[in-house]
């Protein structure tokens, strides 16, 4: 296994949601990723880049273009992107056809990091491992599985990701 630096591109999603007691809703303040990296005990070199903090349901083509641009200009050949799960396959569908000669892994969480039972630590660790082991391409790493960008969908009824074709 290599110890190449990994670029961690932050886009928001459930990873970074915060419960606002005043409004009684989940909102964004700042990223939780530095704390998540410490708690997950990720010791390899990591470069964090905050691109945006939004829910993926709010993502537009311009937001996805900003993610693609961040990936293209990153000097690292291995990239992990934290992303909201609802529209993660759509962003992967923009990154995949771009043909960047990099290993890019999108991941997210179904339960916010600050909540008991969050899958954020596990999914981030899985994404880092996938970014280290997989060849160049675009992937989604969720729930202990990795999917190619063009063979994945979110199963909204079960709250998991599945391949489009088995």
N, C-alpha and C. Protein backbone atom coordinates (compact mmCIF):
# COMPACT_ATOMS: atom_id res chain seq x y z
N UNK A 1 0.85 -1.18 0.00
CA UNK A 1 0.00 0.00 0.00
C UNK A 1 0.89 1.24 0.00
N UNK A 2 0.43 2.26 -0.66
CA UNK A 2 1.20 3.50 -0.73
C UNK A 2 0.78 4.47 0.37
N UNK A 3 1.57 5.51 0.53
CA UNK A 3 1.22 6.56 1.48
C UNK A 3 1.18 7.91 0.77
N UNK A 4 0.72 7.86 -0.50
CA UNK A 4 0.55 9.10 -1.25
C UNK A 4 -0.42 10.01 -0.51
N UNK A 5 -0.22 11.32 -0.58
CA UNK A 5 -1.19 12.22 0.05
C UNK A 5 -2.55 12.10 -0.63
N UNK A 6 -3.59 12.30 0.14
CA UNK A 6 -4.96 12.27 -0.38
C UNK A 6 -5.56 13.65 -0.22
N UNK A 7 -6.18 14.14 -1.27
CA UNK A 7 -6.92 15.40 -1.23
C UNK A 7 -8.33 15.05 -0.77
N UNK A 8 -8.81 15.69 0.28
CA UNK A 8 -10.17 15.50 0.78
C UNK A 8 -10.97 16.74 0.40
N UNK A 9 -11.85 16.58 -0.57
CA UNK A 9 -12.70 17.67 -1.04
C UNK A 9 -14.03 17.61 -0.30
N UNK A 10 -14.37 18.70 0.33
CA UNK A 10 -15.57 18.77 1.18
C UNK A 10 -16.66 19.54 0.44
N UNK A 11 -17.84 18.90 0.32
CA UNK A 11 -18.95 19.57 -0.36
C UNK A 11 -20.17 19.75 0.53
N UNK A 12 -20.14 19.19 1.73
CA UNK A 12 -21.29 19.30 2.62
C UNK A 12 -21.95 17.95 2.82
N UNK A 13 -23.26 17.92 2.73
CA UNK A 13 -23.98 16.68 2.96
C UNK A 13 -24.10 16.38 4.44
N UNK A 14 -24.62 15.21 4.74
CA UNK A 14 -24.89 14.82 6.12
C UNK A 14 -23.64 14.78 6.98
N UNK A 15 -22.48 14.52 6.40
CA UNK A 15 -21.22 14.55 7.15
C UNK A 15 -21.12 15.82 7.98
N UNK A 16 -21.46 16.93 7.39
CA UNK A 16 -21.24 18.23 8.01
C UNK A 16 -22.49 18.90 8.56
N UNK A 17 -23.59 18.18 8.64
CA UNK A 17 -24.80 18.78 9.20
C UNK A 17 -24.66 18.96 10.71
N UNK A 18 -25.26 20.02 11.19
CA UNK A 18 -25.24 20.39 12.60
C UNK A 18 -26.69 20.62 13.02
N UNK A 19 -27.04 20.16 14.21
CA UNK A 19 -28.40 20.40 14.69
C UNK A 19 -28.48 21.78 15.31
N UNK A 20 -29.30 22.63 14.74
CA UNK A 20 -29.52 23.98 15.23
C UNK A 20 -30.69 23.94 16.21
N UNK A 21 -30.38 24.07 17.51
CA UNK A 21 -31.43 23.97 18.53
C UNK A 21 -32.45 25.10 18.44
N UNK A 22 -32.03 26.26 17.97
CA UNK A 22 -32.93 27.41 17.86
C UNK A 22 -33.96 27.17 16.74
N UNK A 23 -33.46 26.78 15.57
CA UNK A 23 -34.35 26.55 14.43
C UNK A 23 -35.00 25.18 14.47
N UNK A 24 -34.40 24.26 15.23
CA UNK A 24 -34.94 22.90 15.29
C UNK A 24 -34.74 22.14 13.99
N UNK A 25 -33.62 22.43 13.30
CA UNK A 25 -33.36 21.76 12.02
C UNK A 25 -31.87 21.54 11.83
N UNK A 26 -31.56 20.69 10.86
CA UNK A 26 -30.17 20.45 10.51
C UNK A 26 -29.70 21.54 9.55
N UNK A 27 -28.57 22.15 9.88
CA UNK A 27 -28.01 23.23 9.08
C UNK A 27 -26.51 23.01 8.94
N UNK A 28 -25.84 23.95 8.29
CA UNK A 28 -24.39 23.92 8.17
C UNK A 28 -23.79 25.10 8.90
N UNK A 29 -22.70 24.87 9.63
CA UNK A 29 -21.93 25.93 10.27
C UNK A 29 -20.53 25.92 9.68
N UNK A 30 -19.85 24.80 9.89
CA UNK A 30 -18.49 24.62 9.42
C UNK A 30 -18.29 23.12 9.25
N UNK A 31 -17.21 22.74 8.62
CA UNK A 31 -16.97 21.32 8.40
C UNK A 31 -16.52 20.61 9.68
N UNK A 32 -16.95 19.37 9.83
CA UNK A 32 -16.53 18.51 10.93
C UNK A 32 -15.34 17.64 10.53
N UNK A 33 -14.88 17.76 9.29
CA UNK A 33 -13.87 16.83 8.78
C UNK A 33 -12.56 16.80 9.55
N UNK A 34 -11.99 17.93 10.02
CA UNK A 34 -10.76 17.79 10.81
C UNK A 34 -10.96 16.89 12.04
N UNK A 35 -12.09 17.04 12.72
CA UNK A 35 -12.39 16.21 13.88
C UNK A 35 -12.65 14.76 13.48
N UNK A 36 -13.34 14.57 12.38
CA UNK A 36 -13.63 13.21 11.91
C UNK A 36 -12.32 12.49 11.56
N UNK A 37 -11.40 13.18 10.91
CA UNK A 37 -10.12 12.58 10.56
C UNK A 37 -9.37 12.15 11.82
N UNK A 38 -9.39 12.99 12.86
CA UNK A 38 -8.73 12.63 14.13
C UNK A 38 -9.39 11.42 14.76
N UNK A 39 -10.71 11.43 14.83
CA UNK A 39 -11.43 10.32 15.48
C UNK A 39 -11.31 9.02 14.69
N UNK A 40 -11.23 9.12 13.38
CA UNK A 40 -11.07 7.92 12.55
C UNK A 40 -9.61 7.44 12.57
N UNK A 41 -8.73 8.25 13.17
CA UNK A 41 -7.31 7.92 13.30
C UNK A 41 -6.64 7.74 11.94
N UNK A 42 -7.01 8.59 11.00
CA UNK A 42 -6.38 8.58 9.67
C UNK A 42 -5.04 9.29 9.83
N UNK A 43 -3.96 8.56 9.60
CA UNK A 43 -2.63 9.11 9.84
C UNK A 43 -1.88 9.42 8.56
N UNK A 44 -2.41 9.02 7.41
CA UNK A 44 -1.73 9.33 6.16
C UNK A 44 -1.91 10.81 5.84
N UNK A 45 -1.05 11.36 4.98
CA UNK A 45 -1.13 12.79 4.65
C UNK A 45 -2.46 13.14 3.98
N UNK A 46 -3.10 14.19 4.49
CA UNK A 46 -4.40 14.63 3.98
C UNK A 46 -4.36 16.13 3.74
N UNK A 47 -4.81 16.54 2.57
CA UNK A 47 -4.97 17.96 2.25
C UNK A 47 -6.47 18.22 2.15
N UNK A 48 -7.01 19.06 3.04
CA UNK A 48 -8.44 19.38 3.02
C UNK A 48 -8.71 20.57 2.12
N UNK A 49 -9.80 20.49 1.36
CA UNK A 49 -10.24 21.60 0.53
C UNK A 49 -11.75 21.73 0.64
N UNK A 50 -12.19 22.82 1.20
CA UNK A 50 -13.61 23.10 1.34
C UNK A 50 -14.10 23.77 0.06
N UNK A 51 -14.92 23.08 -0.70
CA UNK A 51 -15.46 23.63 -1.94
C UNK A 51 -16.81 24.29 -1.67
N UNK A 52 -17.63 23.64 -0.85
CA UNK A 52 -18.96 24.17 -0.51
C UNK A 52 -19.52 23.39 0.67
N UNK A 53 -20.49 23.94 1.34
CA UNK A 53 -21.21 23.25 2.40
C UNK A 53 -22.70 23.35 2.09
N UNK A 54 -23.18 22.38 1.32
CA UNK A 54 -24.60 22.38 0.96
C UNK A 54 -25.14 20.95 1.00
N UNK A 55 -26.44 20.86 1.07
CA UNK A 55 -27.12 19.58 0.94
C UNK A 55 -27.11 19.20 -0.54
N UNK A 56 -26.89 17.94 -0.84
CA UNK A 56 -26.81 17.55 -2.26
C UNK A 56 -28.11 17.78 -3.00
N UNK A 57 -29.22 17.87 -2.30
CA UNK A 57 -30.49 18.18 -2.96
C UNK A 57 -30.48 19.59 -3.54
N UNK A 58 -29.59 20.44 -3.02
CA UNK A 58 -29.47 21.82 -3.50
C UNK A 58 -28.39 21.99 -4.57
N UNK A 59 -27.68 20.92 -4.88
CA UNK A 59 -26.58 21.02 -5.84
C UNK A 59 -27.09 21.29 -7.25
N UNK A 60 -26.39 22.18 -7.92
CA UNK A 60 -26.71 22.53 -9.31
C UNK A 60 -25.56 22.08 -10.21
N UNK A 61 -25.73 22.27 -11.50
CA UNK A 61 -24.65 21.97 -12.43
C UNK A 61 -23.41 22.80 -12.10
N UNK A 62 -23.59 24.03 -11.65
CA UNK A 62 -22.46 24.89 -11.30
C UNK A 62 -21.71 24.33 -10.10
N UNK A 63 -22.43 23.81 -9.11
CA UNK A 63 -21.78 23.19 -7.95
C UNK A 63 -20.96 21.98 -8.38
N UNK A 64 -21.55 21.16 -9.25
CA UNK A 64 -20.83 19.97 -9.72
C UNK A 64 -19.60 20.36 -10.55
N UNK A 65 -19.72 21.42 -11.33
CA UNK A 65 -18.58 21.91 -12.11
C UNK A 65 -17.46 22.36 -11.18
N UNK A 66 -17.79 22.97 -10.04
CA UNK A 66 -16.78 23.39 -9.07
C UNK A 66 -16.07 22.18 -8.46
N UNK A 67 -16.80 21.11 -8.24
CA UNK A 67 -16.18 19.87 -7.72
C UNK A 67 -15.24 19.29 -8.77
N UNK A 68 -15.69 19.24 -10.01
CA UNK A 68 -14.85 18.74 -11.09
C UNK A 68 -13.58 19.59 -11.22
N UNK A 69 -13.73 20.90 -11.16
CA UNK A 69 -12.57 21.79 -11.26
C UNK A 69 -11.58 21.54 -10.13
N UNK A 70 -12.10 21.35 -8.91
CA UNK A 70 -11.22 21.08 -7.76
C UNK A 70 -10.46 19.77 -7.97
N UNK A 71 -11.12 18.77 -8.50
CA UNK A 71 -10.46 17.49 -8.77
C UNK A 71 -9.39 17.66 -9.85
N UNK A 72 -9.70 18.37 -10.90
CA UNK A 72 -8.78 18.54 -12.02
C UNK A 72 -7.52 19.30 -11.61
N UNK A 73 -7.66 20.31 -10.78
CA UNK A 73 -6.49 21.12 -10.41
C UNK A 73 -5.72 20.55 -9.21
N UNK A 74 -6.28 19.55 -8.53
CA UNK A 74 -5.60 18.96 -7.37
C UNK A 74 -4.29 18.30 -7.81
N UNK A 75 -3.20 18.58 -7.12
CA UNK A 75 -1.94 17.93 -7.48
C UNK A 75 -1.91 16.45 -7.07
N UNK A 76 -2.77 16.07 -6.13
CA UNK A 76 -2.81 14.68 -5.68
C UNK A 76 -3.49 13.80 -6.72
N UNK A 77 -3.07 12.57 -6.81
CA UNK A 77 -3.69 11.62 -7.75
C UNK A 77 -4.77 10.79 -7.07
N UNK A 78 -4.92 10.97 -5.76
CA UNK A 78 -5.95 10.24 -5.01
C UNK A 78 -6.81 11.26 -4.27
N UNK A 79 -8.12 11.16 -4.50
CA UNK A 79 -9.05 12.16 -3.97
C UNK A 79 -10.24 11.47 -3.32
N UNK A 80 -10.64 11.96 -2.14
CA UNK A 80 -11.88 11.54 -1.49
C UNK A 80 -12.77 12.78 -1.43
N UNK A 81 -14.04 12.60 -1.76
CA UNK A 81 -15.00 13.70 -1.74
C UNK A 81 -16.12 13.34 -0.77
N UNK A 82 -16.35 14.20 0.23
CA UNK A 82 -17.53 14.01 1.08
C UNK A 82 -18.69 14.73 0.40
N UNK A 83 -19.82 14.07 0.37
CA UNK A 83 -20.94 14.51 -0.47
C UNK A 83 -22.24 14.03 0.14
N UNK A 84 -23.31 14.77 -0.07
CA UNK A 84 -24.62 14.30 0.33
C UNK A 84 -25.01 13.06 -0.46
N UNK A 85 -25.69 12.14 0.18
CA UNK A 85 -25.99 10.86 -0.46
C UNK A 85 -27.11 10.93 -1.49
N UNK A 86 -28.02 11.90 -1.35
CA UNK A 86 -29.18 11.93 -2.24
C UNK A 86 -28.81 12.14 -3.71
N UNK A 87 -27.77 12.91 -3.97
CA UNK A 87 -27.40 13.21 -5.36
C UNK A 87 -25.95 12.84 -5.69
N UNK A 88 -25.38 11.96 -4.88
CA UNK A 88 -24.01 11.53 -5.10
C UNK A 88 -23.80 10.89 -6.47
N UNK A 89 -24.68 10.00 -6.93
CA UNK A 89 -24.47 9.41 -8.27
C UNK A 89 -24.47 10.46 -9.39
N UNK A 90 -25.23 11.54 -9.23
CA UNK A 90 -25.24 12.58 -10.26
C UNK A 90 -23.87 13.28 -10.36
N UNK A 91 -23.26 13.55 -9.22
CA UNK A 91 -21.94 14.18 -9.24
C UNK A 91 -20.91 13.20 -9.79
N UNK A 92 -20.99 11.94 -9.39
CA UNK A 92 -20.09 10.92 -9.95
C UNK A 92 -20.26 10.85 -11.46
N UNK A 93 -21.49 11.06 -11.94
CA UNK A 93 -21.77 11.04 -13.37
C UNK A 93 -21.17 12.21 -14.13
N UNK A 94 -20.81 13.27 -13.43
CA UNK A 94 -20.10 14.39 -14.04
C UNK A 94 -18.59 14.11 -14.02
N UNK A 95 -18.10 13.56 -12.92
CA UNK A 95 -16.67 13.31 -12.76
C UNK A 95 -16.18 12.15 -13.63
N UNK A 96 -16.96 11.07 -13.71
CA UNK A 96 -16.52 9.89 -14.45
C UNK A 96 -16.17 10.15 -15.90
N UNK A 97 -17.06 10.76 -16.67
CA UNK A 97 -16.76 11.01 -18.09
C UNK A 97 -15.62 12.01 -18.33
N UNK A 98 -15.23 12.75 -17.29
CA UNK A 98 -14.14 13.72 -17.46
C UNK A 98 -12.81 13.02 -17.73
N UNK A 99 -12.70 11.76 -17.32
CA UNK A 99 -11.51 10.97 -17.63
C UNK A 99 -10.24 11.46 -16.96
N UNK A 100 -10.34 12.02 -15.78
CA UNK A 100 -9.14 12.44 -15.06
C UNK A 100 -8.32 11.21 -14.69
N UNK A 101 -7.03 11.29 -14.78
CA UNK A 101 -6.17 10.16 -14.46
C UNK A 101 -5.88 10.14 -12.97
N UNK A 102 -6.97 10.03 -12.18
CA UNK A 102 -6.89 10.06 -10.73
C UNK A 102 -7.88 9.05 -10.17
N UNK A 103 -7.64 8.62 -8.96
CA UNK A 103 -8.59 7.78 -8.25
C UNK A 103 -9.43 8.70 -7.38
N UNK A 104 -10.73 8.78 -7.68
CA UNK A 104 -11.65 9.69 -7.00
C UNK A 104 -12.76 8.86 -6.37
N UNK A 105 -12.92 9.02 -5.06
CA UNK A 105 -13.91 8.25 -4.32
C UNK A 105 -14.84 9.20 -3.58
N UNK A 106 -16.13 9.11 -3.90
CA UNK A 106 -17.14 9.90 -3.20
C UNK A 106 -17.70 9.06 -2.06
N UNK A 107 -17.97 9.71 -0.94
CA UNK A 107 -18.59 9.03 0.20
C UNK A 107 -19.48 10.01 0.93
N UNK A 108 -20.32 9.48 1.77
CA UNK A 108 -21.23 10.31 2.54
C UNK A 108 -21.66 9.59 3.80
N UNK A 109 -22.65 10.12 4.46
CA UNK A 109 -23.19 9.52 5.67
C UNK A 109 -24.71 9.59 5.63
N UNK A 110 -25.33 8.58 6.17
CA UNK A 110 -26.80 8.59 6.29
C UNK A 110 -27.23 9.28 7.59
N UNK A 111 -26.34 9.27 8.59
CA UNK A 111 -26.61 9.87 9.89
C UNK A 111 -25.51 10.90 10.16
N UNK A 112 -25.86 12.14 10.56
CA UNK A 112 -24.84 13.17 10.80
C UNK A 112 -23.76 12.71 11.78
N UNK A 113 -22.55 13.17 11.55
CA UNK A 113 -21.41 12.82 12.38
C UNK A 113 -21.68 13.07 13.86
N UNK A 114 -22.34 14.14 14.20
CA UNK A 114 -22.57 14.50 15.60
C UNK A 114 -23.60 13.61 16.30
N UNK A 115 -24.29 12.76 15.56
CA UNK A 115 -25.34 11.94 16.14
C UNK A 115 -24.82 10.55 16.49
N UNK A 116 -25.33 9.99 17.56
CA UNK A 116 -25.00 8.62 17.92
C UNK A 116 -25.44 7.69 16.79
N UNK A 117 -24.59 6.75 16.47
CA UNK A 117 -24.92 5.80 15.40
C UNK A 117 -24.55 6.28 14.02
N UNK A 118 -23.80 7.39 13.92
CA UNK A 118 -23.40 7.89 12.61
C UNK A 118 -22.49 6.90 11.90
N UNK A 119 -22.64 6.81 10.61
CA UNK A 119 -21.78 5.97 9.77
C UNK A 119 -20.65 6.77 9.15
N UNK A 120 -20.48 8.03 9.56
CA UNK A 120 -19.48 8.92 8.95
C UNK A 120 -18.06 8.38 9.10
N UNK A 121 -17.66 7.96 10.30
CA UNK A 121 -16.30 7.47 10.51
C UNK A 121 -16.02 6.24 9.64
N UNK A 122 -16.93 5.30 9.66
CA UNK A 122 -16.74 4.07 8.89
C UNK A 122 -16.66 4.36 7.39
N UNK A 123 -17.58 5.16 6.90
CA UNK A 123 -17.60 5.44 5.46
C UNK A 123 -16.37 6.23 5.02
N UNK A 124 -15.92 7.18 5.84
CA UNK A 124 -14.72 7.92 5.48
C UNK A 124 -13.50 7.00 5.45
N UNK A 125 -13.37 6.14 6.46
CA UNK A 125 -12.26 5.18 6.48
C UNK A 125 -12.30 4.27 5.27
N UNK A 126 -13.49 3.81 4.91
CA UNK A 126 -13.64 2.95 3.73
C UNK A 126 -13.25 3.69 2.46
N UNK A 127 -13.62 4.95 2.37
CA UNK A 127 -13.30 5.75 1.19
C UNK A 127 -11.79 5.97 1.07
N UNK A 128 -11.14 6.22 2.20
CA UNK A 128 -9.68 6.39 2.16
C UNK A 128 -9.00 5.10 1.71
N UNK A 129 -9.46 3.98 2.22
CA UNK A 129 -8.87 2.70 1.82
C UNK A 129 -9.12 2.46 0.32
N UNK A 130 -10.32 2.73 -0.13
CA UNK A 130 -10.63 2.55 -1.56
C UNK A 130 -9.75 3.45 -2.42
N UNK A 131 -9.55 4.70 -1.99
CA UNK A 131 -8.71 5.63 -2.76
C UNK A 131 -7.27 5.14 -2.84
N UNK A 132 -6.83 4.44 -1.84
CA UNK A 132 -5.46 3.90 -1.83
C UNK A 132 -5.33 2.64 -2.70
N UNK A 133 -6.37 1.85 -2.80
CA UNK A 133 -6.26 0.55 -3.44
C UNK A 133 -6.78 0.47 -4.88
N UNK A 134 -7.73 1.33 -5.23
CA UNK A 134 -8.36 1.23 -6.55
C UNK A 134 -7.53 1.93 -7.63
N UNK A 135 -7.65 1.46 -8.87
CA UNK A 135 -6.96 2.13 -9.98
C UNK A 135 -7.66 3.45 -10.30
N UNK A 136 -7.04 4.29 -11.13
CA UNK A 136 -7.70 5.54 -11.51
C UNK A 136 -9.11 5.31 -12.04
N UNK A 137 -10.01 6.18 -11.63
CA UNK A 137 -11.41 6.09 -12.00
C UNK A 137 -12.22 6.81 -10.94
N UNK A 138 -13.54 6.78 -11.09
CA UNK A 138 -14.44 7.45 -10.15
C UNK A 138 -15.34 6.38 -9.52
N UNK A 139 -15.43 6.44 -8.19
CA UNK A 139 -16.15 5.43 -7.42
C UNK A 139 -16.99 6.08 -6.32
N UNK A 140 -17.95 5.30 -5.83
CA UNK A 140 -18.70 5.67 -4.63
C UNK A 140 -18.45 4.57 -3.61
N UNK A 141 -18.05 4.97 -2.39
CA UNK A 141 -17.82 4.03 -1.30
C UNK A 141 -18.83 4.32 -0.19
N UNK A 142 -19.73 3.38 0.02
CA UNK A 142 -20.77 3.51 1.05
C UNK A 142 -21.09 2.14 1.60
N UNK A 143 -21.35 2.08 2.90
CA UNK A 143 -21.86 0.87 3.54
C UNK A 143 -20.98 -0.35 3.26
N UNK A 144 -19.68 -0.19 3.32
CA UNK A 144 -18.68 -1.25 3.14
C UNK A 144 -18.59 -1.78 1.72
N UNK A 145 -19.13 -1.05 0.76
CA UNK A 145 -19.06 -1.47 -0.64
C UNK A 145 -18.56 -0.32 -1.49
N UNK A 146 -17.96 -0.67 -2.62
CA UNK A 146 -17.48 0.33 -3.57
C UNK A 146 -18.12 0.06 -4.92
N UNK A 147 -18.57 1.12 -5.58
CA UNK A 147 -19.27 1.02 -6.86
C UNK A 147 -18.59 1.91 -7.89
N UNK A 148 -18.53 1.44 -9.11
CA UNK A 148 -18.06 2.29 -10.21
C UNK A 148 -19.09 3.39 -10.44
N UNK A 149 -18.64 4.55 -10.86
CA UNK A 149 -19.50 5.73 -11.03
C UNK A 149 -20.70 5.47 -11.94
N UNK A 150 -20.55 4.57 -12.91
CA UNK A 150 -21.63 4.34 -13.88
C UNK A 150 -22.45 3.09 -13.57
N UNK A 151 -22.29 2.55 -12.36
CA UNK A 151 -23.06 1.37 -11.96
C UNK A 151 -23.48 1.49 -10.50
N UNK A 152 -24.17 2.60 -10.17
CA UNK A 152 -24.58 2.81 -8.79
C UNK A 152 -25.85 3.65 -8.74
N UNK A 153 -26.65 3.36 -7.73
CA UNK A 153 -27.85 4.14 -7.46
C UNK A 153 -28.11 4.10 -5.96
N UNK A 154 -28.80 5.09 -5.45
CA UNK A 154 -29.22 5.06 -4.06
C UNK A 154 -30.59 4.42 -3.98
N UNK A 155 -30.71 3.42 -3.13
CA UNK A 155 -31.99 2.78 -2.86
C UNK A 155 -32.62 3.58 -1.71
N UNK A 156 -33.52 4.49 -2.05
CA UNK A 156 -34.11 5.39 -1.06
C UNK A 156 -35.00 4.66 -0.06
N UNK A 157 -35.57 3.53 -0.44
CA UNK A 157 -36.43 2.78 0.47
C UNK A 157 -35.63 2.11 1.57
N UNK A 158 -34.43 1.63 1.24
CA UNK A 158 -33.61 0.91 2.22
C UNK A 158 -32.48 1.76 2.79
N UNK A 159 -32.22 2.91 2.18
CA UNK A 159 -31.16 3.79 2.68
C UNK A 159 -29.77 3.23 2.45
N UNK A 160 -29.57 2.53 1.32
CA UNK A 160 -28.26 1.97 0.97
C UNK A 160 -28.02 2.21 -0.52
N UNK A 161 -26.79 1.98 -0.92
CA UNK A 161 -26.44 2.08 -2.34
C UNK A 161 -26.41 0.68 -2.93
N UNK A 162 -26.79 0.61 -4.20
CA UNK A 162 -26.84 -0.68 -4.92
C UNK A 162 -26.32 -0.47 -6.32
N UNK A 163 -25.87 -1.56 -6.94
CA UNK A 163 -25.46 -1.44 -8.35
C UNK A 163 -26.69 -1.29 -9.24
N UNK A 164 -26.53 -0.60 -10.35
CA UNK A 164 -27.62 -0.51 -11.34
C UNK A 164 -27.86 -1.87 -11.95
N UNK A 165 -26.75 -2.56 -12.26
CA UNK A 165 -26.84 -3.90 -12.83
C UNK A 165 -25.94 -4.82 -12.00
N UNK A 166 -26.44 -5.97 -11.68
CA UNK A 166 -25.68 -6.94 -10.86
C UNK A 166 -24.62 -7.61 -11.66
